[in-house]
Amino acid sequence: MQVSKNTVVTIDYTLTGPEGNVIDSSRGKQPLAYIHGTGNLIPGLERVLEGKAAGENVKVTIAPAGAYGLRDDKLVQSVPRAAFQGVPEIKVGMQFRSQNNAIVTITKIEGENVTVDANHALAGVTLTFDVDIKDVRKASQEELEHGHVHGSGGHHH
């Protein structure tokens, strides 16, 4: 069976950055199982995997536009420290969910001003994937309704 919309695809992958540094990997752990064509992977990787089959290996470099997008300076802003009421100690690197449901990361603290960044941590980064396709099968109706894989490598209810 080939990778296509609404198939469950199980992959082992290694993700590296522009300098060859490993950012993430499933190797030596449980493979990643996802429903193809439903936005569970970055668009560039989904496009490359389309039409492939179990047993194939894919090595691909994906530009930011096909990954987590370009950095947007409008998503970086300074907010008053008072916006973090109830947080005993704020530190650079902490993440919070904003009022509009975006994940923001604290990047700088200067007195009463806290700089937050709503860009994805990998925005603007060219990514390289080394992917082994382990299995491809048709997604069940229940998996499609729930939007995630059930069973091995997926969600357990």
Protein backbone atom coordinates (compact mmCIF):
# COMPACT_ATOMS: atom_id res chain seq x y z
CA MET A 1 0.00 0.00 0.00
CA GLN A 2 1.22 3.50 -0.79
CA VAL A 3 1.21 6.54 1.47
CA SER A 4 -1.88 8.58 0.59
CA LYS A 5 -4.58 10.65 2.28
CA ASN A 6 -6.18 8.87 5.24
CA THR A 7 -3.58 6.13 5.54
CA VAL A 8 -1.84 5.41 8.82
CA VAL A 9 1.88 5.70 8.21
CA THR A 10 4.44 4.44 10.71
CA ILE A 11 7.93 5.91 10.38
CA ASP A 12 11.29 5.99 12.06
CA TYR A 13 12.95 9.34 11.53
CA THR A 14 15.92 11.49 12.41
CA LEU A 15 15.56 15.26 12.11
CA THR A 16 18.71 17.37 11.79
CA GLY A 17 19.32 21.09 11.56
CA PRO A 18 21.47 23.03 9.10
CA GLU A 19 24.73 22.16 10.89
CA GLY A 20 23.85 18.45 11.04
CA ASN A 21 22.86 18.59 14.71
CA VAL A 22 20.18 16.05 15.67
CA ILE A 23 17.04 17.92 16.73
CA ASP A 24 14.77 14.90 17.21
CA SER A 25 14.70 11.20 16.43
CA SER A 26 12.42 8.22 16.94
CA ARG A 27 15.23 5.74 16.33
CA GLY A 28 15.75 3.47 19.31
CA LYS A 29 12.31 4.50 20.59
CA GLN A 30 8.78 3.83 19.40
CA PRO A 31 8.23 4.76 15.72
CA LEU A 32 5.87 7.64 14.93
CA ALA A 33 2.42 6.67 13.62
CA TYR A 34 0.27 9.38 12.05
CA ILE A 35 -2.69 9.81 9.71
CA HIS A 36 -1.39 11.11 6.39
CA GLY A 37 -2.97 14.15 4.78
CA THR A 38 -4.61 15.52 7.91
CA GLY A 39 -1.96 18.07 8.94
CA ASN A 40 -0.15 15.89 11.47
CA LEU A 41 3.25 16.44 9.81
CA ILE A 42 4.86 19.51 8.33
CA PRO A 43 3.59 20.04 4.76
CA GLY A 44 6.96 19.56 3.05
CA LEU A 45 7.51 16.15 4.63
CA GLU A 46 3.96 15.01 3.87
CA ARG A 47 4.41 15.94 0.19
CA VAL A 48 7.65 13.94 -0.06
CA LEU A 49 6.17 10.85 1.63
CA GLU A 50 3.09 10.83 -0.63
CA GLY A 51 3.15 7.77 -2.90
CA LYS A 52 5.94 5.99 -1.01
CA ALA A 53 5.56 2.49 0.47
CA ALA A 54 6.68 0.49 3.50
CA GLY A 55 10.36 -0.37 3.30
CA GLU A 56 11.37 2.83 1.52
CA ASN A 57 13.90 5.31 2.90
CA VAL A 58 13.54 9.02 2.20
CA LYS A 59 16.19 11.67 2.84
CA VAL A 60 14.98 15.20 2.22
CA THR A 61 15.91 18.77 3.09
CA ILE A 62 12.93 21.07 3.62
CA ALA A 63 13.08 24.86 3.47
CA PRO A 64 11.32 26.84 6.24
CA ALA A 65 8.29 27.58 4.03
CA GLY A 66 7.52 23.84 3.86
CA ALA A 67 8.33 23.27 7.53
CA TYR A 68 7.49 25.64 10.40
CA GLY A 69 7.42 28.79 8.27
CA LEU A 70 9.58 31.88 8.26
CA ARG A 71 10.21 33.84 11.43
CA ASP A 72 7.75 36.70 11.86
CA ASP A 73 9.09 39.63 13.89
CA LYS A 74 5.48 40.71 14.58
CA LEU A 75 5.16 37.62 16.79
CA VAL A 76 7.83 38.95 19.17
CA GLN A 77 6.61 41.51 21.68
CA SER A 78 7.32 43.01 25.05
CA VAL A 79 4.68 42.57 27.75
CA PRO A 80 4.59 43.77 31.35
CA ARG A 81 5.80 41.36 34.01
CA ALA A 82 2.36 41.80 35.62
CA ALA A 83 0.93 39.70 32.75
CA PHE A 84 2.42 36.66 34.52
CA GLN A 85 0.47 37.00 37.77
CA GLY A 86 0.41 33.80 39.76
CA VAL A 87 3.75 32.61 38.36
CA PRO A 88 6.19 32.75 41.29
CA GLU A 89 9.33 33.03 39.17
CA ILE A 90 9.56 33.66 35.43
CA LYS A 91 12.65 32.61 33.50
CA VAL A 92 13.91 32.79 29.93
CA GLY A 93 12.82 29.66 28.07
CA MET A 94 9.53 29.21 29.92
CA GLN A 95 6.50 28.69 27.71
CA PHE A 96 2.92 29.79 28.23
CA ARG A 97 -0.34 29.68 26.31
CA SER A 98 -1.40 33.20 25.38
CA GLN A 99 -4.94 34.58 25.52
CA ASN A 100 -5.36 33.77 21.80
CA ASN A 101 -4.17 30.18 22.46
CA ALA A 102 -0.72 30.58 20.90
CA ILE A 103 2.32 29.10 22.62
CA VAL A 104 4.77 31.87 23.55
CA THR A 105 8.33 31.50 24.82
CA ILE A 106 9.99 34.00 27.12
CA THR A 107 13.17 35.15 25.38
CA LYS A 108 14.27 38.11 27.53
CA ILE A 109 13.50 39.70 30.89
CA GLU A 110 14.51 43.32 31.52
CA GLY A 111 13.14 44.81 34.72
CA GLU A 112 9.37 44.97 34.35
CA ASN A 113 9.42 44.09 30.64
CA VAL A 114 9.24 40.49 29.43
CA THR A 115 9.86 39.67 25.77
CA VAL A 116 7.78 36.79 24.42
CA ASP A 117 8.07 35.06 21.05
CA ALA A 118 5.12 33.23 19.45
CA ASN A 119 7.20 31.88 16.54
CA HIS A 120 7.70 28.11 16.53
CA ALA A 121 11.19 27.27 17.80
CA LEU A 122 12.06 25.87 14.34
CA ALA A 123 10.57 28.76 12.34
CA GLY A 124 13.11 29.98 9.78
CA VAL A 125 15.18 26.78 10.04
CA THR A 126 15.99 24.50 7.10
CA LEU A 127 15.39 20.91 8.24
CA THR A 128 16.71 17.57 6.99
CA PHE A 129 14.77 14.36 7.56
CA ASP A 130 16.02 10.78 7.21
CA VAL A 131 12.85 8.66 7.23
CA ASP A 132 12.31 4.90 7.10
CA ILE A 133 8.72 3.99 6.26
CA LYS A 134 7.86 1.01 8.45
CA ASP A 135 4.19 0.44 7.67
CA VAL A 136 1.28 1.88 5.69
CA ARG A 137 -2.33 0.86 6.24
CA LYS A 138 -5.79 2.29 5.75
CA ALA A 139 -6.98 4.38 8.72
CA SER A 140 -10.09 3.09 10.47
CA GLN A 141 -13.24 5.21 10.51
CA GLU A 142 -12.79 5.69 14.26
CA GLU A 143 -9.21 6.95 13.77
CA LEU A 144 -10.40 9.39 11.12
CA GLU A 145 -13.22 10.63 13.38
CA HIS A 146 -10.84 11.07 16.33
CA GLY A 147 -8.05 12.56 14.21
CA HIS A 148 -5.31 10.28 15.54
CA VAL A 149 -3.95 6.75 15.31
CA HIS A 150 -5.18 4.11 17.75
CA GLY A 151 -3.25 1.06 18.94
CA SER A 152 0.46 0.41 18.50
CA GLY A 153 2.34 3.68 18.05
CA GLY A 154 -0.83 5.70 18.50
CA HIS A 155 -3.35 6.76 21.13
CA HIS A 156 -4.84 4.34 23.63
CA HIS A 157 -8.35 5.11 24.90
